[in-house]
C-alpha atoms as a PDB file:
ATOM      1  CA  UNK A   1       2.884 123.763 210.086  1.00  0.00           C
ATOM      2  CA  UNK A   2       0.422 120.607 210.522  1.00  0.00           C
ATOM      3  CA  UNK A   3      -2.949 122.034 210.287  1.00  0.00           C
ATOM      4  CA  UNK A   4      -4.264 124.476 207.791  1.00  0.00           C
ATOM      5  CA  UNK A   5      -8.086 125.531 208.327  1.00  0.00           C
ATOM      6  CA  UNK A   6     -10.018 127.315 205.584  1.00  0.00           C
ATOM      7  CA  UNK A   7     -12.016 130.220 206.932  1.00  0.00           C
ATOM      8  CA  UNK A   8     -14.630 131.870 204.891  1.00  0.00           C
ATOM      9  CA  UNK A   9     -13.372 135.453 204.846  1.00  0.00           C
ATOM     10  CA  UNK A  10     -16.857 137.131 204.727  1.00  0.00           C
ATOM     11  CA  UNK A  11     -18.146 135.250 208.121  1.00  0.00           C
ATOM     12  CA  UNK A  12     -17.410 136.930 211.184  1.00  0.00           C
ATOM     13  CA  UNK A  13     -18.603 134.025 213.146  1.00  0.00           C
ATOM     14  CA  UNK A  14     -16.442 131.292 211.179  1.00  0.00           C
ATOM     15  CA  UNK A  15     -13.299 133.453 211.449  1.00  0.00           C
ATOM     16  CA  UNK A  16     -13.772 133.541 215.063  1.00  0.00           C
ATOM     17  CA  UNK A  17     -14.046 129.602 215.367  1.00  0.00           C
ATOM     18  CA  UNK A  18     -10.903 129.387 213.658  1.00  0.00           C
ATOM     19  CA  UNK A  19      -9.060 131.447 215.711  1.00  0.00           C
ATOM     20  CA  UNK A  20     -10.303 128.624 218.413  1.00  0.00           C
ATOM     21  CA  UNK A  21      -9.456 125.601 216.338  1.00  0.00           C
ATOM     22  CA  UNK A  22      -5.674 125.024 217.479  1.00  0.00           C
ATOM     23  CA  UNK A  23      -5.026 125.087 213.489  1.00  0.00           C
ATOM     24  CA  UNK A  24      -1.258 126.474 213.154  1.00  0.00           C
ATOM     25  CA  UNK A  25      -2.466 128.072 209.778  1.00  0.00           C
ATOM     26  CA  UNK A  26      -5.850 129.973 208.922  1.00  0.00           C
ATOM     27  CA  UNK A  27      -6.458 130.424 205.389  1.00  0.00           C
ATOM     28  CA  UNK A  28      -9.057 133.009 204.966  1.00  0.00           C
ATOM     29  CA  UNK A  29     -11.030 132.366 202.125  1.00  0.00           C
ATOM     30  CA  UNK A  30     -11.940 135.107 199.613  1.00  0.00           C
ATOM     31  CA  UNK A  31     -12.480 132.662 196.788  1.00  0.00           C
ATOM     32  CA  UNK A  32     -15.068 129.819 196.210  1.00  0.00           C
ATOM     33  CA  UNK A  33     -16.662 130.323 199.625  1.00  0.00           C
ATOM     34  CA  UNK A  34     -17.331 134.057 199.021  1.00  0.00           C
ATOM     35  CA  UNK A  35     -20.044 134.900 196.846  1.00  0.00           C
ATOM     36  CA  UNK A  36     -19.057 136.986 194.036  1.00  0.00           C
ATOM     37  CA  UNK A  37     -21.719 139.871 194.976  1.00  0.00           C
ATOM     38  CA  UNK A  38     -19.918 139.467 198.625  1.00  0.00           C
ATOM     39  CA  UNK A  39     -16.166 139.864 197.432  1.00  0.00           C
ATOM     40  CA  UNK A  40     -15.916 143.375 198.639  1.00  0.00           C
ATOM     41  CA  UNK A  41     -17.103 143.023 202.127  1.00  0.00           C
ATOM     42  CA  UNK A  42     -15.370 139.920 202.453  1.00  0.00           C
ATOM     43  CA  UNK A  43     -11.920 141.698 201.816  1.00  0.00           C
ATOM     44  CA  UNK A  44     -12.902 144.343 204.170  1.00  0.00           C
ATOM     45  CA  UNK A  45     -13.763 141.808 207.026  1.00  0.00           C
ATOM     46  CA  UNK A  46     -10.450 139.788 206.143  1.00  0.00           C
ATOM     47  CA  UNK A  47      -8.350 142.723 206.297  1.00  0.00           C
ATOM     48  CA  UNK A  48      -9.824 144.063 209.486  1.00  0.00           C
ATOM     49  CA  UNK A  49      -9.459 140.239 210.792  1.00  0.00           C
ATOM     50  CA  UNK A  50      -5.686 139.922 209.742  1.00  0.00           C
ATOM     51  CA  UNK A  51      -4.891 143.320 211.474  1.00  0.00           C
ATOM     52  CA  UNK A  52      -6.048 142.485 214.358  1.00  0.00           C
ATOM     53  CA  UNK A  53      -5.300 138.994 215.376  1.00  0.00           C
ATOM     54  CA  UNK A  54      -1.132 139.045 214.844  1.00  0.00           C
ATOM     55  CA  UNK A  55      -0.427 136.717 217.822  1.00  0.00           C
ATOM     56  CA  UNK A  56      -2.216 133.721 216.860  1.00  0.00           C
ATOM     57  CA  UNK A  57      -1.911 131.319 214.603  1.00  0.00           C
ATOM     58  CA  UNK A  58      -0.461 132.489 211.187  1.00  0.00           C
ATOM     59  CA  UNK A  59      -2.958 133.863 208.349  1.00  0.00           C
ATOM     60  CA  UNK A  60      -3.145 133.008 204.861  1.00  0.00           C
ATOM     61  CA  UNK A  61      -5.253 134.244 202.236  1.00  0.00           C
ATOM     62  CA  UNK A  62      -6.892 132.213 199.456  1.00  0.00           C
ATOM     63  CA  UNK A  63      -7.022 135.153 196.799  1.00  0.00           C
ATOM     64  CA  UNK A  64      -9.040 134.656 193.479  1.00  0.00           C
ATOM     65  CA  UNK A  65      -6.962 133.101 190.632  1.00  0.00           C
ATOM     66  CA  UNK A  66      -4.997 134.854 188.377  1.00  0.00           C
ATOM     67  CA  UNK A  67      -7.117 134.300 185.640  1.00  0.00           C
ATOM     68  CA  UNK A  68     -10.371 136.326 187.308  1.00  0.00           C
ATOM     69  CA  UNK A  69      -9.238 139.614 187.158  1.00  0.00           C
ATOM     70  CA  UNK A  70     -10.010 139.744 190.959  1.00  0.00           C
ATOM     71  CA  UNK A  71      -6.687 139.365 192.349  1.00  0.00           C
ATOM     72  CA  UNK A  72      -5.200 142.333 192.454  1.00  0.00           C
ATOM     73  CA  UNK A  73      -8.445 143.609 194.409  1.00  0.00           C
ATOM     74  CA  UNK A  74      -7.703 141.184 196.556  1.00  0.00           C
ATOM     75  CA  UNK A  75      -4.285 142.043 197.287  1.00  0.00           C
ATOM     76  CA  UNK A  76      -4.998 145.836 197.576  1.00  0.00           C
ATOM     77  CA  UNK A  77      -7.493 144.892 200.113  1.00  0.00           C
ATOM     78  CA  UNK A  78      -5.424 142.556 202.809  1.00  0.00           C
ATOM     79  CA  UNK A  79      -1.705 143.540 202.335  1.00  0.00           C
ATOM     80  CA  UNK A  80      -1.786 146.548 204.247  1.00  0.00           C
ATOM     81  CA  UNK A  81      -2.677 144.259 207.065  1.00  0.00           C
ATOM     82  CA  UNK A  82       0.395 142.175 206.328  1.00  0.00           C
ATOM     83  CA  UNK A  83      -0.742 138.482 206.514  1.00  0.00           C
ATOM     84  CA  UNK A  84       1.502 135.941 206.580  1.00  0.00           C
ATOM     85  CA  UNK A  85       1.061 134.530 203.328  1.00  0.00           C
ATOM     86  CA  UNK A  86      -0.752 133.991 200.125  1.00  0.00           C
ATOM     87  CA  UNK A  87      -2.300 130.997 198.874  1.00  0.00           C
ATOM     88  CA  UNK A  88      -2.743 130.807 194.831  1.00  0.00           C
ATOM     89  CA  UNK A  89      -5.512 128.978 193.647  1.00  0.00           C
ATOM     90  CA  UNK A  90      -5.554 127.226 190.027  1.00  0.00           C
ATOM     91  CA  UNK A  91      -1.717 127.702 189.814  1.00  0.00           C
ATOM     92  CA  UNK A  92      -0.665 126.381 186.237  1.00  0.00           C
ATOM     93  CA  UNK A  93       2.999 126.494 186.830  1.00  0.00           C
ATOM     94  CA  UNK A  94       5.738 128.516 188.882  1.00  0.00           C
ATOM     95  CA  UNK A  95       5.452 130.940 186.317  1.00  0.00           C
ATOM     96  CA  UNK A  96       1.892 132.007 187.785  1.00  0.00           C
ATOM     97  CA  UNK A  97       3.898 131.895 191.327  1.00  0.00           C
ATOM     98  CA  UNK A  98       6.350 134.326 190.163  1.00  0.00           C
ATOM     99  CA  UNK A  99       3.609 136.609 188.880  1.00  0.00           C
ATOM    100  CA  UNK A 100       2.079 136.615 192.207  1.00  0.00           C
ATOM    101  CA  UNK A 101       5.359 137.107 193.993  1.00  0.00           C
ATOM    102  CA  UNK A 102       6.179 140.222 191.773  1.00  0.00           C
ATOM    103  CA  UNK A 103       2.692 141.871 192.892  1.00  0.00           C
ATOM    104  CA  UNK A 104       3.452 140.982 196.580  1.00  0.00           C
ATOM    105  CA  UNK A 105       6.953 142.731 196.096  1.00  0.00           C
ATOM    106  CA  UNK A 106       5.232 145.819 195.010  1.00  0.00           C
ATOM    107  CA  UNK A 107       2.602 145.570 197.947  1.00  0.00           C
ATOM    108  CA  UNK A 108       5.230 145.033 200.359  1.00  0.00           C
ATOM    109  CA  UNK A 109       7.014 148.236 199.388  1.00  0.00           C
ATOM    110  CA  UNK A 110       4.201 150.095 199.173  1.00  0.00           C
ATOM    111  CA  UNK A 111       2.785 149.415 202.747  1.00  0.00           C
ATOM    112  CA  UNK A 112       6.498 149.365 204.470  1.00  0.00           C
ATOM    113  CA  UNK A 113       6.818 145.415 204.829  1.00  0.00           C
ATOM    114  CA  UNK A 114       9.977 143.416 204.600  1.00  0.00           C
ATOM    115  CA  UNK A 115      10.731 142.461 200.988  1.00  0.00           C
ATOM    116  CA  UNK A 116       9.994 138.726 200.628  1.00  0.00           C
ATOM    117  CA  UNK A 117       8.389 138.585 203.979  1.00  0.00           C
ATOM    118  CA  UNK A 118       4.670 137.241 202.289  1.00  0.00           C
ATOM    119  CA  UNK A 119       4.788 133.499 201.505  1.00  0.00           C
ATOM    120  CA  UNK A 120       3.047 131.780 198.585  1.00  0.00           C
ATOM    121  CA  UNK A 121       1.348 128.416 198.813  1.00  0.00           C
ATOM    122  CA  UNK A 122      -0.018 127.524 195.330  1.00  0.00           C
ATOM    123  CA  UNK A 123      -2.579 124.462 194.701  1.00  0.00           C
ATOM    124  CA  UNK A 124      -1.130 122.961 191.422  1.00  0.00           C
ATOM    125  CA  UNK A 125      -3.280 120.487 190.334  1.00  0.00           C
ATOM    126  CA  UNK A 126      -6.995 122.604 190.250  1.00  0.00           C
ATOM    127  CA  UNK A 127      -6.446 122.703 186.344  1.00  0.00           C
ATOM    128  CA  UNK A 128      -4.814 120.007 183.692  1.00  0.00           C
ATOM    129  CA  UNK A 129      -2.335 122.233 183.006  1.00  0.00           C
ATOM    130  CA  UNK A 130      -1.156 122.359 186.532  1.00  0.00           C
ATOM    131  CA  UNK A 131      -0.955 118.579 186.928  1.00  0.00           C
ATOM    132  CA  UNK A 132       1.241 118.760 183.808  1.00  0.00           C
ATOM    133  CA  UNK A 133       3.730 121.421 184.791  1.00  0.00           C
ATOM    134  CA  UNK A 134       4.009 120.215 188.733  1.00  0.00           C
ATOM    135  CA  UNK A 135       7.767 119.704 188.223  1.00  0.00           C
ATOM    136  CA  UNK A 136       8.398 123.528 187.367  1.00  0.00           C
ATOM    137  CA  UNK A 137       8.162 124.247 191.222  1.00  0.00           C
ATOM    138  CA  UNK A 138      11.246 122.230 191.647  1.00  0.00           C
ATOM    139  CA  UNK A 139      13.182 125.097 191.228  1.00  0.00           C
ATOM    140  CA  UNK A 140      11.335 126.644 194.452  1.00  0.00           C
ATOM    141  CA  UNK A 141      11.864 130.167 195.319  1.00  0.00           C
ATOM    142  CA  UNK A 142      12.146 132.229 198.476  1.00  0.00           C
ATOM    143  CA  UNK A 143       8.475 132.992 199.069  1.00  0.00           C
ATOM    144  CA  UNK A 144       7.575 129.313 198.301  1.00  0.00           C
ATOM    145  CA  UNK A 145       5.995 127.878 201.879  1.00  0.00           C
ATOM    146  CA  UNK A 146       4.581 124.766 200.572  1.00  0.00           C
ATOM    147  CA  UNK A 147       2.473 123.181 197.618  1.00  0.00           C
ATOM    148  CA  UNK A 148      -0.788 121.653 197.941  1.00  0.00           C
ATOM    149  CA  UNK A 149      -3.421 119.869 195.659  1.00  0.00           C
ATOM    150  CA  UNK A 150      -7.024 119.964 194.927  1.00  0.00           C
ATOM    151  CA  UNK A 151      -9.108 117.213 193.384  1.00  0.00           C
ATOM    152  CA  UNK A 152     -12.558 119.037 193.205  1.00  0.00           C
ATOM    153  CA  UNK A 153     -11.529 121.577 190.651  1.00  0.00           C
ATOM    154  CA  UNK A 154      -9.767 119.084 188.843  1.00  0.00           C
ATOM    155  CA  UNK A 155     -12.926 117.273 188.190  1.00  0.00           C
ATOM    156  CA  UNK A 156     -15.010 119.818 187.142  1.00  0.00           C
ATOM    157  CA  UNK A 157     -12.312 120.630 184.720  1.00  0.00           C
ATOM    158  CA  UNK A 158     -11.760 117.406 182.850  1.00  0.00           C
ATOM    159  CA  UNK A 159     -15.619 116.545 183.418  1.00  0.00           C
ATOM    160  CA  UNK A 160     -15.332 113.466 185.905  1.00  0.00           C
ATOM    161  CA  UNK A 161     -18.138 112.114 187.816  1.00  0.00           C
ATOM    162  CA  UNK A 162     -16.270 111.284 191.032  1.00  0.00           C
ATOM    163  CA  UNK A 163     -12.766 111.475 192.545  1.00  0.00           C
ATOM    164  CA  UNK A 164     -12.701 108.045 194.067  1.00  0.00           C
ATOM    165  CA  UNK A 165     -13.774 104.515 193.358  1.00  0.00           C
ATOM    166  CA  UNK A 166     -16.441 102.337 195.391  1.00  0.00           C
ATOM    167  CA  UNK A 167     -13.853 101.333 197.666  1.00  0.00           C
ATOM    168  CA  UNK A 168     -12.926 105.324 198.724  1.00  0.00           C
ATOM    169  CA  UNK A 169      -9.410 105.362 196.893  1.00  0.00           C
ATOM    170  CA  UNK A 170      -8.333 108.063 194.887  1.00  0.00           C
ATOM    171  CA  UNK A 171      -8.837 106.907 190.971  1.00  0.00           C
ATOM    172  CA  UNK A 172      -5.925 106.841 188.750  1.00  0.00           C
ATOM    173  CA  UNK A 173      -6.337 110.320 187.940  1.00  0.00           C
ATOM    174  CA  UNK A 174      -6.210 112.030 191.053  1.00  0.00           C
ATOM    175  CA  UNK A 175      -3.801 109.901 192.263  1.00  0.00           C
ATOM    176  CA  UNK A 176      -1.398 111.242 189.480  1.00  0.00           C
ATOM    177  CA  UNK A 177      -2.280 114.498 190.750  1.00  0.00           C
ATOM    178  CA  UNK A 178      -1.681 113.724 194.379  1.00  0.00           C
ATOM    179  CA  UNK A 179       1.743 112.034 193.787  1.00  0.00           C
ATOM    180  CA  UNK A 180       2.984 114.578 191.565  1.00  0.00           C
ATOM    181  CA  UNK A 181       2.386 117.302 194.475  1.00  0.00           C
ATOM    182  CA  UNK A 182       4.459 115.188 196.807  1.00  0.00           C
ATOM    183  CA  UNK A 183       7.452 115.124 194.425  1.00  0.00           C
ATOM    184  CA  UNK A 184       7.197 118.223 193.494  1.00  0.00           C
ATOM    185  CA  UNK A 185       7.302 119.406 197.126  1.00  0.00           C
ATOM    186  CA  UNK A 186      10.089 117.632 197.851  1.00  0.00           C
ATOM    187  CA  UNK A 187      12.107 118.539 194.754  1.00  0.00           C
ATOM    188  CA  UNK A 188      11.720 121.954 195.980  1.00  0.00           C
ATOM    189  CA  UNK A 189      12.180 120.918 199.388  1.00  0.00           C
ATOM    190  CA  UNK A 190       9.080 123.125 200.971  1.00  0.00           C
ATOM    191  CA  UNK A 191       6.083 121.451 202.803  1.00  0.00           C
ATOM    192  CA  UNK A 192       3.777 118.619 200.942  1.00  0.00           C
ATOM    193  CA  UNK A 193       0.649 119.830 202.152  1.00  0.00           C
ATOM    194  CA  UNK A 194      -2.671 117.366 201.541  1.00  0.00           C
ATOM    195  CA  UNK A 195      -6.007 118.233 200.054  1.00  0.00           C
ATOM    196  CA  UNK A 196      -9.156 118.721 202.179  1.00  0.00           C
ATOM    197  CA  UNK A 197     -11.549 115.871 203.167  1.00  0.00           C
ATOM    198  CA  UNK A 198     -14.512 117.059 202.146  1.00  0.00           C
ATOM    199  CA  UNK A 199     -16.900 114.857 204.795  1.00  0.00           C
ATOM    200  CA  UNK A 200     -15.710 116.359 208.232  1.00  0.00           C
ATOM    201  CA  UNK A 201     -18.375 114.017 209.699  1.00  0.00           C
ATOM    202  CA  UNK A 202     -16.820 110.576 208.768  1.00  0.00           C
ATOM    203  CA  UNK A 203     -14.070 111.228 211.311  1.00  0.00           C
ATOM    204  CA  UNK A 204     -12.851 107.092 210.937  1.00  0.00           C
ATOM    205  CA  UNK A 205     -12.444 108.012 207.070  1.00  0.00           C
ATOM    206  CA  UNK A 206     -10.687 110.850 207.527  1.00  0.00           C
ATOM    207  CA  UNK A 207      -8.024 109.714 210.216  1.00  0.00           C
ATOM    208  CA  UNK A 208      -7.550 106.920 207.520  1.00  0.00           C
ATOM    209  CA  UNK A 209      -6.936 109.318 205.098  1.00  0.00           C
ATOM    210  CA  UNK A 210      -4.575 111.493 207.262  1.00  0.00           C
ATOM    211  CA  UNK A 211      -2.451 108.120 208.380  1.00  0.00           C
ATOM    212  CA  UNK A 212      -2.211 107.535 204.416  1.00  0.00           C
ATOM    213  CA  UNK A 213      -0.965 110.805 203.907  1.00  0.00           C
ATOM    214  CA  UNK A 214       1.830 110.699 206.408  1.00  0.00           C
ATOM    215  CA  UNK A 215       2.821 107.452 205.033  1.00  0.00           C
ATOM    216  CA  UNK A 216       3.166 109.012 201.873  1.00  0.00           C
ATOM    217  CA  UNK A 217       5.005 111.675 202.471  1.00  0.00           C
ATOM    218  CA  UNK A 218       2.723 114.963 203.161  1.00  0.00           C
ATOM    219  CA  UNK A 219       3.628 116.637 206.082  1.00  0.00           C
ATOM    220  CA  UNK A 220       0.209 118.990 206.722  1.00  0.00           C
ATOM    221  CA  UNK A 221      -3.160 118.710 205.420  1.00  0.00           C
ATOM    222  CA  UNK A 222      -5.865 121.407 204.771  1.00  0.00           C
ATOM    223  CA  UNK A 223      -9.140 121.268 206.830  1.00  0.00           C
ATOM    224  CA  UNK A 224     -12.646 122.656 206.153  1.00  0.00           C
ATOM    225  CA  UNK A 225     -14.256 122.193 209.526  1.00  0.00           C
ATOM    226  CA  UNK A 226     -12.636 123.175 212.883  1.00  0.00           C
ATOM    227  CA  UNK A 227     -13.267 119.255 214.088  1.00  0.00           C
ATOM    228  CA  UNK A 228     -10.692 118.099 211.684  1.00  0.00           C
ATOM    229  CA  UNK A 229      -8.183 120.150 213.017  1.00  0.00           C
ATOM    230  CA  UNK A 230      -7.387 118.303 215.929  1.00  0.00           C
ATOM    231  CA  UNK A 231      -7.171 114.993 214.018  1.00  0.00           C
ATOM    232  CA  UNK A 232      -4.570 116.576 211.936  1.00  0.00           C
ATOM    233  CA  UNK A 233      -2.137 117.924 214.469  1.00  0.00           C
ATOM    234  CA  UNK A 234      -2.785 114.544 216.204  1.00  0.00           C
ATOM    235  CA  UNK A 235      -1.710 112.263 213.268  1.00  0.00           C
ATOM    236  CA  UNK A 236       1.028 115.008 211.898  1.00  0.00           C
ATOM    237  CA  UNK A 237       3.017 115.491 214.775  1.00  0.00           C
ATOM    238  CA  UNK A 238       5.836 112.732 215.188  1.00  0.00           C
ATOM    239  CA  UNK A 239       5.032 110.019 217.736  1.00  0.00           C
ATOM    240  CA  UNK A 240       7.538 109.725 220.664  1.00  0.00           C
ATOM    241  CA  UNK A 241       8.259 106.389 219.635  1.00  0.00           C
ATOM    242  CA  UNK A 242       8.855 107.535 216.106  1.00  0.00           C
ATOM    243  CA  UNK A 243      11.150 110.721 217.655  1.00  0.00           C
ATOM    244  CA  UNK A 244      13.157 108.035 219.947  1.00  0.00           C
ATOM    245  CA  UNK A 245      13.949 105.923 216.772  1.00  0.00           C
ATOM    246  CA  UNK A 246      15.128 108.935 214.732  1.00  0.00           C
ATOM    247  CA  UNK A 247      17.232 110.407 217.553  1.00  0.00           C
ATOM    248  CA  UNK A 248      18.827 106.839 217.545  1.00  0.00           C
ATOM    249  CA  UNK A 249      19.346 106.778 213.878  1.00  0.00           C
ATOM    250  CA  UNK A 250      21.257 109.991 214.039  1.00  0.00           C
ATOM    251  CA  UNK A 251      23.031 109.365 216.832  1.00  0.00           C
ATOM    252  CA  UNK A 252      24.128 105.996 215.865  1.00  0.00           C
ATOM    253  CA  UNK A 253      25.930 107.608 212.247  1.00  0.00           C
ATOM    254  CA  UNK A 254      27.428 110.323 214.524  1.00  0.00           C
ATOM    255  CA  UNK A 255      28.859 108.098 217.075  1.00  0.00           C
ATOM    256  CA  UNK A 256      30.204 106.084 214.234  1.00  0.00           C
ATOM    257  CA  UNK A 257      32.042 109.066 212.247  1.00  0.00           C
ATOM    258  CA  UNK A 258      29.258 109.563 209.740  1.00  0.00           C
ATOM    259  CA  UNK A 259      29.835 106.450 207.508  1.00  0.00           C
ATOM    260  CA  UNK A 260      27.820 104.919 205.137  1.00  0.00           C
ATOM    261  CA  UNK A 261      26.019 102.530 206.769  1.00  0.00           C
ATOM    262  CA  UNK A 262      25.547 101.553 210.535  1.00  0.00           C
ATOM    263  CA  UNK A 263      23.959  98.449 212.505  1.00  0.00           C
ATOM    264  CA  UNK A 264      21.073  99.289 214.916  1.00  0.00           C
ATOM    265  CA  UNK A 265      19.582  96.525 216.692  1.00  0.00           C
ATOM    266  CA  UNK A 266      20.860  94.025 214.115  1.00  0.00           C
ATOM    267  CA  UNK A 267      19.376  95.983 211.709  1.00  0.00           C
ATOM    268  CA  UNK A 268      21.362  97.709 208.725  1.00  0.00           C
ATOM    269  CA  UNK A 269      20.750 101.600 207.778  1.00  0.00           C
ATOM    270  CA  UNK A 270      22.141 103.583 205.033  1.00  0.00           C
ATOM    271  CA  UNK A 271      22.413 107.078 204.072  1.00  0.00           C
ATOM    272  CA  UNK A 272      18.299 107.588 202.807  1.00  0.00           C
ATOM    273  CA  UNK A 273      17.412 106.456 206.475  1.00  0.00           C
ATOM    274  CA  UNK A 274      19.563 109.031 208.183  1.00  0.00           C
ATOM    275  CA  UNK A 275      18.082 111.814 205.796  1.00  0.00           C
ATOM    276  CA  UNK A 276      14.494 110.558 206.436  1.00  0.00           C
ATOM    277  CA  UNK A 277      15.415 110.649 210.441  1.00  0.00           C
ATOM    278  CA  UNK A 278      16.652 114.240 210.123  1.00  0.00           C
ATOM    279  CA  UNK A 279      13.671 115.447 208.786  1.00  0.00           C
ATOM    280  CA  UNK A 280      11.506 113.868 210.994  1.00  0.00           C
ATOM    281  CA  UNK A 281      12.941 115.350 213.663  1.00  0.00           C
ATOM    282  CA  UNK A 282      12.586 118.852 212.268  1.00  0.00           C
ATOM    283  CA  UNK A 283       9.263 118.443 211.850  1.00  0.00           C
ATOM    284  CA  UNK A 284       9.036 116.975 215.456  1.00  0.00           C
ATOM    285  CA  UNK A 285      10.914 120.482 216.773  1.00  0.00           C
ATOM    286  CA  UNK A 286       8.514 122.603 214.398  1.00  0.00           C
ATOM    287  CA  UNK A 287       5.689 120.622 216.172  1.00  0.00           C
ATOM    288  CA  UNK A 288       6.995 121.796 219.640  1.00  0.00           C
ATOM    289  CA  UNK A 289       7.674 117.827 220.866  1.00  0.00           C
ATOM    290  CA  UNK A 290      11.154 118.331 220.645  1.00  0.00           C
END
């Protein structure tokens, strides 16, 4: 997956637009974008939407976090429709993922779904404790599909006035949250998913931010508007030049008998270069360009 688009669970119009966006994953939101008085209606609409759209993008549901007391109601409504996965906001540690996993196992059994079929993507930096516990996700788990992060809820939790400096770069605190997510995802062997970019009208800044994310190791990105999806799909799909270079590296190691180091066009490449090339080719295959 490259692009994950948030869609309010209580908006039929926006759900339909999400289907046409080209996103790899739709995140039907029952949390922030649905008002408290509209939660029940949002659950019902989300469940019907999931049930009637099985041939398009994968559909995840962002439930309300475990501290709200609303999570079980969210799951009871949507699990009969068999979503591809659940996004867990404000996850404080891997323990929260395991608590959700227990609920999912019960829901799968009750609804005749294969055990373990519902994947989980936690948002791991929306609380101070979540940032401090990023390393706990390194143990992974069969349901874990990726890790992502968020800056806005964290800024509210700690009282930060902004997440970025005057030049548009994240301040140190939010850089820590961002880097912790990349490292935790890599340690767990799952997708590192970059956070949303709120100013969807500033495409130039968004493109620059996406390129920086790919450079640093993110393999996917969340979007808050359909207009952001084509940009994400373009930038997070390995280019033909990158694919050709990765193939050359892999083939050179294979031709040399899989040594520790090979030379290509006067440059030396060692095992970390091989691993990076293999990972890029895996991403290209998943994106359908290989």
